[in-house]
Protein backbone atom coordinates (compact mmCIF):
# COMPACT_ATOMS: atom_id res chain seq x y z
CA UNK A 1 2.38 -24.41 -12.65
CA UNK A 2 1.65 -27.08 -9.65
CA UNK A 3 0.60 -25.65 -6.60
CA UNK A 4 2.72 -25.74 -3.51
CA UNK A 5 1.11 -28.00 -0.37
CA UNK A 6 1.24 -28.94 2.68
CA UNK A 7 0.93 -32.29 4.40
CA UNK A 8 -0.60 -32.81 7.99
CA UNK A 9 -1.13 -36.20 9.53
CA UNK A 10 -4.31 -36.23 12.37
CA UNK A 11 -3.24 -37.00 15.51
CA UNK A 12 -6.54 -39.60 16.26
CA UNK A 13 -7.33 -41.06 12.91
CA UNK A 14 -3.62 -41.08 11.17
CA UNK A 15 -5.33 -39.83 7.96
CA UNK A 16 -2.73 -37.67 5.91
CA UNK A 17 -4.47 -34.16 5.04
CA UNK A 18 -2.87 -32.33 2.14
CA UNK A 19 -3.79 -28.54 2.25
CA UNK A 20 -3.03 -25.74 -0.16
CA UNK A 21 0.19 -23.61 0.72
CA UNK A 22 -1.90 -20.28 0.13
CA UNK A 23 -5.17 -19.47 -1.73
CA UNK A 24 -4.95 -17.47 -4.94
CA UNK A 25 -5.85 -13.72 -4.85
CA UNK A 26 -9.01 -15.05 -7.28
CA UNK A 27 -9.71 -18.00 -4.55
CA UNK A 28 -9.20 -15.27 -1.56
CA UNK A 29 -11.59 -12.74 -3.35
CA UNK A 30 -14.19 -15.42 -3.84
CA UNK A 31 -13.56 -16.76 -0.43
CA UNK A 32 -13.81 -13.25 1.39
CA UNK A 33 -16.51 -12.00 -0.22
CA UNK A 34 -18.80 -14.88 1.20
CA UNK A 35 -17.04 -15.20 4.32
CA UNK A 36 -15.45 -11.97 5.52
CA UNK A 37 -18.26 -11.51 8.25
CA UNK A 38 -18.02 -14.40 9.69
CA UNK A 39 -13.63 -15.07 10.15
CA UNK A 40 -14.44 -13.55 13.76
CA UNK A 41 -17.28 -16.06 14.11
CA UNK A 42 -15.39 -18.89 15.06
CA UNK A 43 -13.34 -17.59 18.13
CA UNK A 44 -16.30 -17.43 20.38
CA UNK A 45 -18.30 -20.16 18.87
CA UNK A 46 -21.30 -17.83 19.15
CA UNK A 47 -24.42 -20.46 18.99
CA UNK A 48 -26.69 -17.95 17.58
CA UNK A 49 -24.75 -18.10 14.69
CA UNK A 50 -24.27 -22.08 14.39
CA UNK A 51 -25.31 -22.17 10.87
CA UNK A 52 -22.86 -19.33 9.66
CA UNK A 53 -19.97 -21.45 11.65
CA UNK A 54 -21.26 -24.49 9.75
CA UNK A 55 -20.90 -22.61 6.26
CA UNK A 56 -17.73 -21.12 7.05
CA UNK A 57 -15.97 -24.11 8.07
CA UNK A 58 -17.22 -26.05 5.13
CA UNK A 59 -15.79 -23.46 2.96
CA UNK A 60 -12.21 -23.36 4.50
CA UNK A 61 -12.39 -27.24 3.95
CA UNK A 62 -13.43 -26.90 0.52
CA UNK A 63 -11.12 -23.69 -0.51
CA UNK A 64 -8.01 -25.27 1.29
CA UNK A 65 -7.88 -28.89 1.20
CA UNK A 66 -6.65 -30.73 -1.36
CA UNK A 67 -7.24 -34.65 -0.47
CA UNK A 68 -7.24 -36.70 2.55
CA UNK A 69 -5.53 -39.91 2.55
CA UNK A 70 -5.03 -39.36 -1.51
CA UNK A 71 -8.56 -39.08 -2.32
CA UNK A 72 -10.11 -35.72 -3.68
CA UNK A 73 -13.45 -37.02 -3.67
CA UNK A 74 -16.01 -35.76 -1.11
CA UNK A 75 -13.29 -34.12 1.03
CA UNK A 76 -16.01 -32.97 3.45
CA UNK A 77 -17.96 -35.75 3.78
CA UNK A 78 -14.75 -37.38 5.14
CA UNK A 79 -13.56 -35.20 7.19
CA UNK A 80 -16.82 -34.70 9.13
CA UNK A 81 -16.94 -38.59 9.75
CA UNK A 82 -13.58 -38.02 11.84
CA UNK A 83 -13.45 -37.10 15.45
CA UNK A 84 -13.70 -34.08 15.86
CA UNK A 85 -10.23 -33.54 17.31
CA UNK A 86 -8.96 -34.39 13.99
CA UNK A 87 -11.23 -31.97 12.14
CA UNK A 88 -10.19 -29.39 14.35
CA UNK A 89 -6.47 -29.93 13.64
CA UNK A 90 -7.04 -29.48 10.07
CA UNK A 91 -8.92 -25.72 10.68
CA UNK A 92 -6.10 -25.32 12.70
CA UNK A 93 -3.70 -25.80 10.54
CA UNK A 94 -5.03 -24.14 7.53
CA UNK A 95 -5.60 -20.94 10.15
CA UNK A 96 -1.79 -21.53 11.14
CA UNK A 97 -0.82 -21.22 7.31
CA UNK A 98 -2.85 -17.68 6.96
CA UNK A 99 -1.45 -16.42 10.03
CA UNK A 100 2.34 -17.17 8.79
CA UNK A 101 1.02 -15.63 5.04
CA UNK A 102 0.00 -12.66 6.83
CA UNK A 103 3.11 -12.64 8.53
CA UNK A 104 5.25 -12.55 5.65
CA UNK A 105 3.11 -10.03 4.08
CA UNK A 106 3.29 -6.93 6.79
């Protein structure tokens, strides 16, 4: 069975990013096990936790992003070379998917 995906076109670079529409429970457990304590960390951007925040953002990209402009190679590296506004747009897009999913399960 092919996984449902969502696309977002980045405002500044025009790159098309494809992300998973959801994580499987297996993927979610792996993600949560490693980063459950850091989920709130990105809201305040506490400078004393910079390394943890960076690791968390990298994990979000690894878990959710399928491709950038059709390429599945070096996704995080590709996104890191884009304007910060584009990178953050991807993170916000994923966040909106998670929030929508949480609303559906309540």
